[in-house]
């Protein structure tokens, strides 16, 4: 599924991540903070398997997960709506996605995600939640009514860092309290929660 341009940009991310691991002077906001390649490839596979047309990424940061979701959008003929509040991060991500030849598949949105979701086209087929952790529940509540039957919500950092464990537990309980949502916690990357909106179009909810 990957072409040479995709692989070249993936190598840029790999090199940046490796360099940042050796640099103790960088603050958290300056770091890539990637979801990891295992999660990135799972996102790609879920999106392609769902044949997703409307894809939402909440918290693109420097664009690592964006790369995989944009690649998936190119394969499904869909559009990735990528939300980020920091313009310098979005600019860097834009450059990388352009280098990968995937710019035509991304609709970039800059600003507060909770506010901007009011104008999000739908129905939404797949969502990645990976922004400030206190925004997980407000963002979920904003997008839930616009989520397609069989739509998937993937939430990152469910196990690590441990400082977010309380908020992660609260988020999962909030999602599972919805009668039309079913979810499962997977121990890959920093821990991801995959929740599916029940309906006739559902490809099968996780156990």
N, C-alpha and C. Protein backbone atom coordinates (compact mmCIF):
# COMPACT_ATOMS: atom_id res chain seq x y z
N UNK A 1 0.81 -1.21 0.00
CA UNK A 1 0.00 0.00 0.00
C UNK A 1 0.85 1.27 0.00
N UNK A 2 2.15 1.10 0.28
CA UNK A 2 3.00 2.27 0.38
C UNK A 2 3.81 2.47 -0.90
N UNK A 3 3.92 3.70 -1.36
CA UNK A 3 4.74 3.99 -2.51
C UNK A 3 6.03 4.66 -2.04
N UNK A 4 6.90 5.00 -3.00
CA UNK A 4 8.21 5.54 -2.65
C UNK A 4 8.10 6.88 -1.94
N UNK A 5 7.19 7.75 -2.37
CA UNK A 5 7.05 9.06 -1.72
C UNK A 5 6.59 8.89 -0.27
N UNK A 6 5.65 7.99 -0.04
CA UNK A 6 5.18 7.71 1.32
C UNK A 6 6.35 7.23 2.17
N UNK A 7 7.14 6.29 1.65
CA UNK A 7 8.25 5.73 2.42
C UNK A 7 9.32 6.77 2.71
N UNK A 8 9.58 7.67 1.76
CA UNK A 8 10.58 8.73 2.00
C UNK A 8 10.15 9.63 3.15
N UNK A 9 8.87 9.99 3.17
CA UNK A 9 8.38 10.85 4.24
C UNK A 9 8.35 10.08 5.56
N UNK A 10 7.99 8.82 5.52
CA UNK A 10 8.02 8.00 6.74
C UNK A 10 9.43 7.96 7.30
N UNK A 11 10.43 7.89 6.44
CA UNK A 11 11.82 7.90 6.91
C UNK A 11 12.17 9.23 7.59
N UNK A 12 11.61 10.33 7.09
CA UNK A 12 11.83 11.63 7.74
C UNK A 12 11.31 11.60 9.17
N UNK A 13 10.14 11.03 9.36
CA UNK A 13 9.57 10.92 10.70
C UNK A 13 10.41 10.00 11.58
N UNK A 14 10.86 8.89 11.02
CA UNK A 14 11.69 7.97 11.79
C UNK A 14 12.98 8.66 12.26
N UNK A 15 13.60 9.39 11.36
CA UNK A 15 14.85 10.07 11.70
C UNK A 15 14.62 11.16 12.73
N UNK A 16 13.53 11.90 12.59
CA UNK A 16 13.24 12.94 13.58
C UNK A 16 12.98 12.33 14.95
N UNK A 17 12.20 11.25 14.98
CA UNK A 17 11.91 10.62 16.26
C UNK A 17 13.18 10.11 16.93
N UNK A 18 14.06 9.49 16.14
CA UNK A 18 15.31 8.97 16.69
C UNK A 18 16.18 10.10 17.24
N UNK A 19 16.24 11.22 16.50
CA UNK A 19 17.05 12.36 16.96
C UNK A 19 16.48 12.96 18.24
N UNK A 20 15.16 13.06 18.32
CA UNK A 20 14.53 13.66 19.50
C UNK A 20 14.72 12.80 20.74
N UNK A 21 14.84 11.50 20.57
CA UNK A 21 15.06 10.62 21.72
C UNK A 21 16.42 10.85 22.35
N UNK A 22 17.34 11.46 21.59
CA UNK A 22 18.68 11.74 22.10
C UNK A 22 18.84 13.19 22.58
N UNK A 23 17.79 13.98 22.46
CA UNK A 23 17.87 15.41 22.78
C UNK A 23 16.99 15.73 23.99
N UNK A 24 17.64 15.90 25.14
CA UNK A 24 16.90 16.17 26.37
C UNK A 24 16.49 17.63 26.51
N UNK A 25 16.95 18.48 25.59
CA UNK A 25 16.65 19.91 25.71
C UNK A 25 15.28 20.28 25.17
N UNK A 26 14.65 19.37 24.43
CA UNK A 26 13.37 19.68 23.80
C UNK A 26 12.23 19.59 24.80
N UNK A 27 11.32 20.56 24.72
CA UNK A 27 10.10 20.50 25.51
C UNK A 27 9.08 19.60 24.85
N UNK A 28 8.06 19.24 25.60
CA UNK A 28 7.04 18.33 25.08
C UNK A 28 6.37 18.86 23.82
N UNK A 29 6.10 20.16 23.76
CA UNK A 29 5.40 20.73 22.61
C UNK A 29 6.26 20.76 21.36
N UNK A 30 7.58 20.57 21.52
CA UNK A 30 8.48 20.59 20.38
C UNK A 30 8.75 19.19 19.83
N UNK A 31 8.27 18.19 20.51
CA UNK A 31 8.55 16.82 20.13
C UNK A 31 7.48 16.25 19.19
N UNK A 32 7.90 15.27 18.43
CA UNK A 32 7.00 14.62 17.48
C UNK A 32 5.84 13.92 18.18
N UNK A 33 6.15 13.22 19.29
CA UNK A 33 5.11 12.53 20.07
C UNK A 33 4.23 11.66 19.17
N UNK A 34 4.88 10.82 18.38
CA UNK A 34 4.13 10.02 17.41
C UNK A 34 3.37 8.88 18.06
N UNK A 35 2.33 8.41 17.36
CA UNK A 35 1.54 7.29 17.86
C UNK A 35 2.29 5.98 17.70
N UNK A 36 3.34 5.98 16.90
CA UNK A 36 4.10 4.76 16.62
C UNK A 36 3.64 4.11 15.32
N UNK A 37 4.55 3.36 14.71
CA UNK A 37 4.24 2.77 13.41
C UNK A 37 3.18 1.68 13.49
N UNK A 38 3.16 0.91 14.59
CA UNK A 38 2.14 -0.13 14.72
C UNK A 38 0.74 0.47 14.71
N UNK A 39 0.57 1.56 15.46
CA UNK A 39 -0.73 2.22 15.50
C UNK A 39 -1.03 2.89 14.15
N UNK A 40 -0.01 3.50 13.56
CA UNK A 40 -0.20 4.14 12.26
C UNK A 40 -0.70 3.16 11.21
N UNK A 41 -0.09 1.99 11.19
CA UNK A 41 -0.50 0.98 10.19
C UNK A 41 -1.87 0.40 10.51
N UNK A 42 -2.19 0.28 11.80
CA UNK A 42 -3.53 -0.17 12.17
C UNK A 42 -4.58 0.84 11.73
N UNK A 43 -4.28 2.13 11.91
CA UNK A 43 -5.20 3.18 11.46
C UNK A 43 -5.43 3.09 9.95
N UNK A 44 -4.36 2.86 9.22
CA UNK A 44 -4.48 2.74 7.77
C UNK A 44 -5.37 1.55 7.41
N UNK A 45 -5.11 0.41 8.05
CA UNK A 45 -5.87 -0.80 7.74
C UNK A 45 -7.35 -0.66 8.12
N UNK A 46 -7.62 -0.06 9.30
CA UNK A 46 -9.00 0.14 9.72
C UNK A 46 -9.75 1.05 8.74
N UNK A 47 -9.07 2.11 8.32
CA UNK A 47 -9.69 3.08 7.43
C UNK A 47 -9.99 2.48 6.06
N UNK A 48 -9.02 1.74 5.53
CA UNK A 48 -9.23 1.09 4.23
C UNK A 48 -10.28 -0.01 4.36
N UNK A 49 -10.20 -0.80 5.43
CA UNK A 49 -11.17 -1.87 5.63
C UNK A 49 -12.59 -1.35 5.77
N UNK A 50 -12.73 -0.19 6.39
CA UNK A 50 -14.05 0.45 6.56
C UNK A 50 -14.52 1.12 5.28
N UNK A 51 -13.60 1.23 4.28
CA UNK A 51 -13.88 1.98 3.05
C UNK A 51 -14.33 3.40 3.40
N UNK A 52 -13.63 3.98 4.36
CA UNK A 52 -14.02 5.27 4.92
C UNK A 52 -13.88 6.39 3.90
N UNK A 53 -14.90 7.21 3.84
CA UNK A 53 -14.90 8.38 2.97
C UNK A 53 -14.68 9.67 3.76
N UNK A 54 -15.20 9.71 4.99
CA UNK A 54 -15.05 10.89 5.84
C UNK A 54 -14.22 10.47 7.06
N UNK A 55 -13.02 10.99 7.12
CA UNK A 55 -12.03 10.61 8.13
C UNK A 55 -11.66 11.85 8.93
N UNK A 56 -11.64 11.74 10.24
CA UNK A 56 -11.37 12.90 11.10
C UNK A 56 -10.19 12.59 12.01
N UNK A 57 -9.24 13.51 12.03
CA UNK A 57 -8.09 13.41 12.93
C UNK A 57 -8.10 14.63 13.84
N UNK A 58 -8.26 14.39 15.13
CA UNK A 58 -8.30 15.48 16.10
C UNK A 58 -6.97 15.53 16.84
N UNK A 59 -6.12 16.46 16.42
CA UNK A 59 -4.78 16.59 16.98
C UNK A 59 -3.74 16.02 16.06
N UNK A 60 -3.50 16.68 14.92
CA UNK A 60 -2.53 16.16 13.95
C UNK A 60 -1.09 16.36 14.40
N UNK A 61 -0.85 17.34 15.27
CA UNK A 61 0.50 17.68 15.72
C UNK A 61 1.40 17.86 14.49
N UNK A 62 2.54 17.15 14.44
CA UNK A 62 3.47 17.31 13.32
C UNK A 62 3.16 16.38 12.15
N UNK A 63 2.04 15.65 12.24
CA UNK A 63 1.53 14.96 11.06
C UNK A 63 1.91 13.51 10.87
N UNK A 64 2.39 12.83 11.92
CA UNK A 64 2.76 11.42 11.73
C UNK A 64 1.53 10.57 11.45
N UNK A 65 0.54 10.64 12.31
CA UNK A 65 -0.68 9.87 12.05
C UNK A 65 -1.39 10.38 10.79
N UNK A 66 -1.24 11.66 10.51
CA UNK A 66 -1.83 12.25 9.30
C UNK A 66 -1.33 11.52 8.05
N UNK A 67 -0.05 11.18 8.06
CA UNK A 67 0.54 10.50 6.90
C UNK A 67 -0.20 9.20 6.61
N UNK A 68 -0.46 8.40 7.63
CA UNK A 68 -1.13 7.11 7.43
C UNK A 68 -2.60 7.30 7.07
N UNK A 69 -3.26 8.25 7.71
CA UNK A 69 -4.68 8.48 7.42
C UNK A 69 -4.87 9.10 6.03
N UNK A 70 -3.95 9.97 5.63
CA UNK A 70 -4.04 10.56 4.29
C UNK A 70 -3.78 9.50 3.23
N UNK A 71 -2.85 8.60 3.50
CA UNK A 71 -2.60 7.49 2.57
C UNK A 71 -3.85 6.64 2.43
N UNK A 72 -4.49 6.36 3.57
CA UNK A 72 -5.73 5.58 3.53
C UNK A 72 -6.80 6.30 2.73
N UNK A 73 -6.92 7.61 2.92
CA UNK A 73 -7.92 8.39 2.18
C UNK A 73 -7.66 8.32 0.67
N UNK A 74 -6.40 8.30 0.29
CA UNK A 74 -6.07 8.20 -1.14
C UNK A 74 -6.50 6.85 -1.71
N UNK A 75 -6.54 5.83 -0.87
CA UNK A 75 -6.92 4.49 -1.32
C UNK A 75 -8.43 4.28 -1.32
N UNK A 76 -9.15 5.01 -0.47
CA UNK A 76 -10.61 4.86 -0.41
C UNK A 76 -11.35 5.92 -1.22
N UNK A 77 -10.61 6.93 -1.69
CA UNK A 77 -11.26 8.04 -2.37
C UNK A 77 -11.95 8.98 -1.41
N UNK A 78 -11.48 8.96 -0.16
CA UNK A 78 -12.09 9.78 0.88
C UNK A 78 -11.32 11.06 1.15
N UNK A 79 -11.73 11.75 2.20
CA UNK A 79 -11.09 13.00 2.63
C UNK A 79 -10.76 12.90 4.10
N UNK A 80 -9.54 13.29 4.45
CA UNK A 80 -9.13 13.39 5.84
C UNK A 80 -9.28 14.83 6.30
N UNK A 81 -10.07 15.05 7.34
CA UNK A 81 -10.22 16.37 7.96
C UNK A 81 -9.30 16.37 9.18
N UNK A 82 -8.22 17.15 9.07
CA UNK A 82 -7.18 17.12 10.10
C UNK A 82 -7.20 18.41 10.91
N UNK A 83 -7.44 18.27 12.22
CA UNK A 83 -7.59 19.41 13.13
C UNK A 83 -6.34 19.59 13.98
N UNK A 84 -5.88 20.83 14.08
CA UNK A 84 -4.72 21.15 14.92
C UNK A 84 -4.85 22.60 15.39
N UNK A 85 -4.42 22.86 16.62
CA UNK A 85 -4.54 24.21 17.16
C UNK A 85 -3.26 25.02 17.01
N UNK A 86 -2.12 24.35 16.78
CA UNK A 86 -0.83 25.04 16.69
C UNK A 86 -0.44 25.23 15.22
N UNK A 87 -0.41 26.47 14.72
CA UNK A 87 -0.14 26.68 13.30
C UNK A 87 1.23 26.18 12.84
N UNK A 88 2.25 26.29 13.70
CA UNK A 88 3.59 25.85 13.29
C UNK A 88 3.64 24.33 13.12
N UNK A 89 2.88 23.61 13.92
CA UNK A 89 2.83 22.16 13.76
C UNK A 89 2.08 21.79 12.49
N UNK A 90 0.97 22.46 12.25
CA UNK A 90 0.21 22.17 11.04
C UNK A 90 1.02 22.50 9.78
N UNK A 91 1.78 23.59 9.81
CA UNK A 91 2.60 23.95 8.66
C UNK A 91 3.63 22.87 8.35
N UNK A 92 4.28 22.33 9.40
CA UNK A 92 5.28 21.28 9.21
C UNK A 92 4.62 20.03 8.66
N UNK A 93 3.46 19.70 9.20
CA UNK A 93 2.72 18.53 8.72
C UNK A 93 2.31 18.71 7.26
N UNK A 94 1.85 19.89 6.91
CA UNK A 94 1.44 20.16 5.52
C UNK A 94 2.58 19.88 4.55
N UNK A 95 3.78 20.32 4.92
CA UNK A 95 4.94 20.12 4.04
C UNK A 95 5.21 18.63 3.84
N UNK A 96 5.15 17.87 4.92
CA UNK A 96 5.43 16.43 4.80
C UNK A 96 4.35 15.73 3.98
N UNK A 97 3.10 16.08 4.20
CA UNK A 97 2.02 15.44 3.45
C UNK A 97 2.12 15.81 1.97
N UNK A 98 2.53 17.04 1.70
CA UNK A 98 2.76 17.44 0.31
C UNK A 98 3.87 16.63 -0.32
N UNK A 99 4.96 16.42 0.41
CA UNK A 99 6.09 15.64 -0.10
C UNK A 99 5.68 14.19 -0.37
N UNK A 100 4.70 13.71 0.39
CA UNK A 100 4.23 12.34 0.18
C UNK A 100 3.23 12.24 -0.97
N UNK A 101 2.88 13.38 -1.57
CA UNK A 101 1.93 13.39 -2.68
C UNK A 101 0.49 13.17 -2.27
N UNK A 102 0.18 13.53 -1.02
CA UNK A 102 -1.15 13.25 -0.48
C UNK A 102 -1.95 14.50 -0.13
N UNK A 103 -1.46 15.66 -0.54
CA UNK A 103 -2.09 16.93 -0.16
C UNK A 103 -3.54 17.03 -0.61
N UNK A 104 -3.88 16.44 -1.75
CA UNK A 104 -5.24 16.55 -2.27
C UNK A 104 -6.27 15.79 -1.44
N UNK A 105 -5.80 14.99 -0.51
CA UNK A 105 -6.71 14.16 0.27
C UNK A 105 -6.92 14.68 1.69
N UNK A 106 -6.35 15.87 1.99
CA UNK A 106 -6.44 16.41 3.35
C UNK A 106 -7.10 17.78 3.34
N UNK A 107 -8.09 17.95 4.21
CA UNK A 107 -8.73 19.24 4.47
C UNK A 107 -8.22 19.70 5.83
N UNK A 108 -7.32 20.71 5.83
CA UNK A 108 -6.68 21.16 7.06
C UNK A 108 -7.56 22.15 7.80
N UNK A 109 -7.71 21.95 9.10
CA UNK A 109 -8.55 22.82 9.92
C UNK A 109 -7.74 23.27 11.14
N UNK A 110 -7.64 24.59 11.29
CA UNK A 110 -6.80 25.17 12.34
C UNK A 110 -7.67 25.87 13.38
N UNK A 111 -7.49 25.50 14.64
CA UNK A 111 -8.25 26.15 15.70
C UNK A 111 -8.74 25.16 16.74
N UNK A 112 -9.67 25.61 17.56
CA UNK A 112 -10.22 24.78 18.63
C UNK A 112 -11.13 23.70 18.04
N UNK A 113 -10.76 22.43 18.29
CA UNK A 113 -11.47 21.33 17.65
C UNK A 113 -12.94 21.27 18.06
N UNK A 114 -13.23 21.50 19.33
CA UNK A 114 -14.62 21.39 19.79
C UNK A 114 -15.51 22.38 19.05
N UNK A 115 -15.02 23.59 18.86
CA UNK A 115 -15.79 24.60 18.12
C UNK A 115 -15.90 24.25 16.64
N UNK A 116 -14.78 23.84 16.05
CA UNK A 116 -14.75 23.59 14.61
C UNK A 116 -15.57 22.37 14.20
N UNK A 117 -15.75 21.43 15.12
CA UNK A 117 -16.51 20.22 14.78
C UNK A 117 -17.97 20.52 14.45
N UNK A 118 -18.45 21.68 14.83
CA UNK A 118 -19.82 22.06 14.50
C UNK A 118 -20.04 22.12 12.99
N UNK A 119 -18.95 22.35 12.24
CA UNK A 119 -19.05 22.45 10.78
C UNK A 119 -18.48 21.22 10.07
N UNK A 120 -18.26 20.15 10.80
CA UNK A 120 -17.67 18.95 10.21
C UNK A 120 -18.68 18.20 9.34
N UNK A 121 -18.35 17.98 8.05
CA UNK A 121 -19.24 17.18 7.21
C UNK A 121 -19.33 15.75 7.73
N UNK A 122 -20.42 15.11 7.42
CA UNK A 122 -20.61 13.73 7.85
C UNK A 122 -21.41 12.95 6.83
N UNK A 123 -21.81 11.75 7.14
CA UNK A 123 -21.49 11.04 8.38
C UNK A 123 -20.02 10.64 8.44
N UNK A 124 -19.46 10.65 9.64
CA UNK A 124 -18.05 10.38 9.85
C UNK A 124 -17.83 8.88 9.97
N UNK A 125 -16.87 8.37 9.19
CA UNK A 125 -16.60 6.93 9.18
C UNK A 125 -15.55 6.50 10.19
N UNK A 126 -14.54 7.32 10.40
CA UNK A 126 -13.48 6.96 11.34
C UNK A 126 -12.86 8.22 11.94
N UNK A 127 -12.52 8.14 13.22
CA UNK A 127 -11.97 9.28 13.96
C UNK A 127 -10.74 8.82 14.74
N UNK A 128 -9.72 9.68 14.75
CA UNK A 128 -8.60 9.50 15.68
C UNK A 128 -8.63 10.65 16.66
N UNK A 129 -8.70 10.32 17.95
CA UNK A 129 -8.60 11.31 19.03
C UNK A 129 -7.19 11.27 19.59
N UNK A 130 -6.44 12.36 19.41
CA UNK A 130 -5.07 12.39 19.91
C UNK A 130 -4.67 13.85 20.15
N UNK A 131 -5.40 14.51 21.03
CA UNK A 131 -5.14 15.91 21.35
C UNK A 131 -5.07 16.06 22.87
N UNK A 132 -5.22 17.26 23.39
CA UNK A 132 -5.19 17.43 24.84
C UNK A 132 -6.23 16.53 25.47
N UNK A 133 -5.82 15.80 26.49
CA UNK A 133 -6.64 14.71 26.99
C UNK A 133 -7.95 15.18 27.63
N UNK A 134 -7.98 16.41 28.15
CA UNK A 134 -9.23 16.90 28.73
C UNK A 134 -10.26 17.25 27.66
N UNK A 135 -9.85 17.14 26.40
CA UNK A 135 -10.77 17.42 25.29
C UNK A 135 -11.37 16.15 24.69
N UNK A 136 -10.94 14.99 25.15
CA UNK A 136 -11.44 13.74 24.55
C UNK A 136 -12.96 13.64 24.67
N UNK A 137 -13.48 13.84 25.87
CA UNK A 137 -14.93 13.70 26.06
C UNK A 137 -15.70 14.81 25.34
N UNK A 138 -15.31 16.09 25.46
CA UNK A 138 -16.03 17.12 24.69
C UNK A 138 -16.00 16.89 23.18
N UNK A 139 -14.85 16.43 22.67
CA UNK A 139 -14.76 16.17 21.23
C UNK A 139 -15.63 14.97 20.84
N UNK A 140 -15.60 13.93 21.66
CA UNK A 140 -16.44 12.77 21.37
C UNK A 140 -17.91 13.17 21.35
N UNK A 141 -18.33 13.96 22.33
CA UNK A 141 -19.73 14.38 22.39
C UNK A 141 -20.11 15.24 21.18
N UNK A 142 -19.14 16.03 20.67
CA UNK A 142 -19.42 16.87 19.51
C UNK A 142 -19.55 16.06 18.23
N UNK A 143 -18.78 14.98 18.11
CA UNK A 143 -18.80 14.21 16.86
C UNK A 143 -19.77 13.02 16.89
N UNK A 144 -20.13 12.56 18.08
CA UNK A 144 -20.96 11.35 18.18
C UNK A 144 -22.25 11.41 17.35
N UNK A 145 -23.01 12.52 17.39
CA UNK A 145 -24.24 12.55 16.58
C UNK A 145 -23.98 12.47 15.08
N UNK A 146 -22.77 12.80 14.66
CA UNK A 146 -22.41 12.83 13.24
C UNK A 146 -21.66 11.58 12.82
N UNK A 147 -21.58 10.60 13.72
CA UNK A 147 -20.83 9.38 13.45
C UNK A 147 -21.70 8.40 12.68
N UNK A 148 -21.15 7.85 11.61
CA UNK A 148 -21.90 6.90 10.78
C UNK A 148 -22.18 5.61 11.55
N UNK A 149 -23.21 4.87 11.13
CA UNK A 149 -23.41 3.52 11.64
C UNK A 149 -22.18 2.69 11.26
N UNK A 150 -21.63 2.01 12.23
CA UNK A 150 -20.40 1.28 11.97
C UNK A 150 -19.17 2.15 12.04
N UNK A 151 -19.35 3.44 12.37
CA UNK A 151 -18.23 4.36 12.49
C UNK A 151 -17.32 3.99 13.65
N UNK A 152 -16.05 4.28 13.48
CA UNK A 152 -15.02 3.87 14.44
C UNK A 152 -14.37 5.10 15.06
N UNK A 153 -14.21 5.08 16.40
CA UNK A 153 -13.48 6.13 17.10
C UNK A 153 -12.28 5.49 17.79
N UNK A 154 -11.10 5.93 17.40
CA UNK A 154 -9.85 5.43 17.98
C UNK A 154 -9.28 6.52 18.88
N UNK A 155 -9.03 6.19 20.13
CA UNK A 155 -8.47 7.15 21.09
C UNK A 155 -7.10 6.68 21.53
N UNK A 156 -6.11 7.56 21.44
CA UNK A 156 -4.73 7.22 21.79
C UNK A 156 -4.45 7.56 23.25
N UNK A 157 -3.32 7.04 23.76
CA UNK A 157 -2.83 7.31 25.12
C UNK A 157 -3.78 6.81 26.20
N UNK A 158 -4.29 5.64 26.00
CA UNK A 158 -5.20 5.07 26.98
C UNK A 158 -4.46 4.38 28.14
N UNK A 159 -3.17 4.04 27.94
CA UNK A 159 -2.38 3.39 28.98
C UNK A 159 -1.16 4.21 29.39
N UNK A 160 -0.59 4.93 28.46
CA UNK A 160 0.60 5.76 28.72
C UNK A 160 0.41 7.12 28.06
N UNK A 161 0.94 8.19 28.67
CA UNK A 161 1.61 8.23 29.97
C UNK A 161 0.63 7.95 31.12
N UNK A 162 1.19 7.46 32.23
CA UNK A 162 0.35 7.07 33.36
C UNK A 162 -0.40 8.24 33.97
N UNK A 163 0.11 9.46 33.74
CA UNK A 163 -0.55 10.65 34.29
C UNK A 163 -1.94 10.85 33.71
N UNK A 164 -2.23 10.19 32.58
CA UNK A 164 -3.54 10.33 31.94
C UNK A 164 -4.47 9.16 32.26
N UNK A 165 -4.03 8.22 33.09
CA UNK A 165 -4.83 7.02 33.33
C UNK A 165 -6.23 7.32 33.85
N UNK A 166 -6.33 8.27 34.78
CA UNK A 166 -7.64 8.60 35.33
C UNK A 166 -8.57 9.17 34.26
N UNK A 167 -8.03 10.08 33.45
CA UNK A 167 -8.83 10.66 32.38
C UNK A 167 -9.18 9.64 31.31
N UNK A 168 -8.25 8.70 31.04
CA UNK A 168 -8.50 7.66 30.05
C UNK A 168 -9.63 6.74 30.51
N UNK A 169 -9.60 6.39 31.78
CA UNK A 169 -10.66 5.54 32.34
C UNK A 169 -12.01 6.25 32.26
N UNK A 170 -12.01 7.54 32.57
CA UNK A 170 -13.24 8.33 32.50
C UNK A 170 -13.77 8.39 31.07
N UNK A 171 -12.86 8.58 30.11
CA UNK A 171 -13.25 8.64 28.71
C UNK A 171 -13.90 7.33 28.27
N UNK A 172 -13.26 6.20 28.58
CA UNK A 172 -13.79 4.91 28.14
C UNK A 172 -15.16 4.64 28.76
N UNK A 173 -15.32 5.00 30.03
CA UNK A 173 -16.62 4.81 30.68
C UNK A 173 -17.68 5.69 30.03
N UNK A 174 -17.29 6.90 29.66
CA UNK A 174 -18.22 7.83 29.02
C UNK A 174 -18.70 7.28 27.67
N UNK A 175 -17.77 6.75 26.89
CA UNK A 175 -18.11 6.20 25.58
C UNK A 175 -19.01 4.98 25.73
N UNK A 176 -18.67 4.11 26.66
CA UNK A 176 -19.43 2.88 26.82
C UNK A 176 -20.80 3.12 27.45
N UNK A 177 -20.99 4.28 28.02
CA UNK A 177 -22.31 4.62 28.56
C UNK A 177 -23.31 4.94 27.46
N UNK A 178 -22.81 5.20 26.25
CA UNK A 178 -23.70 5.43 25.11
C UNK A 178 -24.28 4.09 24.67
N UNK A 179 -25.59 3.96 24.57
CA UNK A 179 -26.19 2.66 24.23
C UNK A 179 -25.83 2.17 22.84
N UNK A 180 -25.38 3.05 21.96
CA UNK A 180 -25.05 2.63 20.60
C UNK A 180 -23.55 2.45 20.37
N UNK A 181 -22.74 2.48 21.44
CA UNK A 181 -21.29 2.36 21.30
C UNK A 181 -20.78 1.10 22.00
N UNK A 182 -19.87 0.40 21.35
CA UNK A 182 -19.17 -0.73 21.94
C UNK A 182 -17.68 -0.51 21.74
N UNK A 183 -16.87 -0.91 22.73
CA UNK A 183 -15.45 -0.61 22.62
C UNK A 183 -14.55 -1.69 23.18
N UNK A 184 -13.28 -1.59 22.82
CA UNK A 184 -12.26 -2.50 23.32
C UNK A 184 -10.96 -1.73 23.48
N UNK A 185 -10.20 -2.06 24.52
CA UNK A 185 -8.90 -1.45 24.79
C UNK A 185 -7.82 -2.38 24.27
N UNK A 186 -6.93 -1.84 23.43
CA UNK A 186 -5.84 -2.63 22.86
C UNK A 186 -4.50 -2.14 23.40
N UNK A 187 -3.64 -3.08 23.78
CA UNK A 187 -2.35 -2.73 24.34
C UNK A 187 -1.29 -2.67 23.26
N UNK A 188 -1.46 -1.75 22.35
CA UNK A 188 -0.42 -1.46 21.36
C UNK A 188 -0.10 0.02 21.44
N UNK A 189 1.14 0.36 21.09
CA UNK A 189 1.55 1.76 21.22
C UNK A 189 1.42 2.21 22.65
N UNK A 190 0.81 3.36 22.84
CA UNK A 190 0.55 3.89 24.19
C UNK A 190 -0.81 3.46 24.72
N UNK A 191 -1.39 2.46 24.06
CA UNK A 191 -2.72 1.98 24.41
C UNK A 191 -3.77 2.73 23.62
N UNK A 192 -4.58 2.01 22.87
CA UNK A 192 -5.64 2.67 22.11
C UNK A 192 -6.98 2.03 22.44
N UNK A 193 -7.99 2.85 22.45
CA UNK A 193 -9.36 2.39 22.61
C UNK A 193 -10.03 2.47 21.25
N UNK A 194 -10.66 1.38 20.84
CA UNK A 194 -11.41 1.35 19.58
C UNK A 194 -12.88 1.17 19.91
N UNK A 195 -13.67 2.17 19.59
CA UNK A 195 -15.11 2.12 19.85
C UNK A 195 -15.86 2.18 18.53
N UNK A 196 -16.91 1.39 18.41
CA UNK A 196 -17.68 1.28 17.17
C UNK A 196 -19.13 1.63 17.45
N UNK A 197 -19.71 2.44 16.58
CA UNK A 197 -21.13 2.78 16.69
C UNK A 197 -21.95 1.67 16.06
N UNK A 198 -22.81 1.06 16.85
CA UNK A 198 -23.60 -0.08 16.38
C UNK A 198 -24.56 0.34 15.28
N UNK A 199 -24.81 -0.58 14.36
CA UNK A 199 -25.73 -0.30 13.26
C UNK A 199 -25.58 -1.33 12.20
N UNK A 200 -26.47 -1.28 11.23
CA UNK A 200 -26.48 -2.31 10.19
C UNK A 200 -25.23 -2.29 9.34
N UNK A 201 -24.54 -1.09 9.29
CA UNK A 201 -23.34 -0.99 8.45
C UNK A 201 -22.10 -1.40 9.19
N UNK A 202 -22.22 -1.79 10.47
CA UNK A 202 -21.05 -2.12 11.27
C UNK A 202 -20.34 -3.34 10.73
N UNK A 203 -19.00 -3.27 10.56
CA UNK A 203 -18.25 -4.42 10.09
C UNK A 203 -18.05 -5.45 11.20
N UNK A 204 -18.55 -5.18 12.40
CA UNK A 204 -18.36 -6.09 13.53
C UNK A 204 -17.69 -5.36 14.66
N UNK A 205 -18.31 -5.30 15.81
CA UNK A 205 -17.76 -4.58 16.93
C UNK A 205 -16.75 -5.43 17.66
N UNK A 206 -15.70 -4.76 18.25
CA UNK A 206 -14.73 -5.52 19.03
C UNK A 206 -15.39 -6.16 20.23
N UNK A 207 -14.82 -7.26 20.68
CA UNK A 207 -15.31 -7.89 21.91
C UNK A 207 -14.96 -7.06 23.13
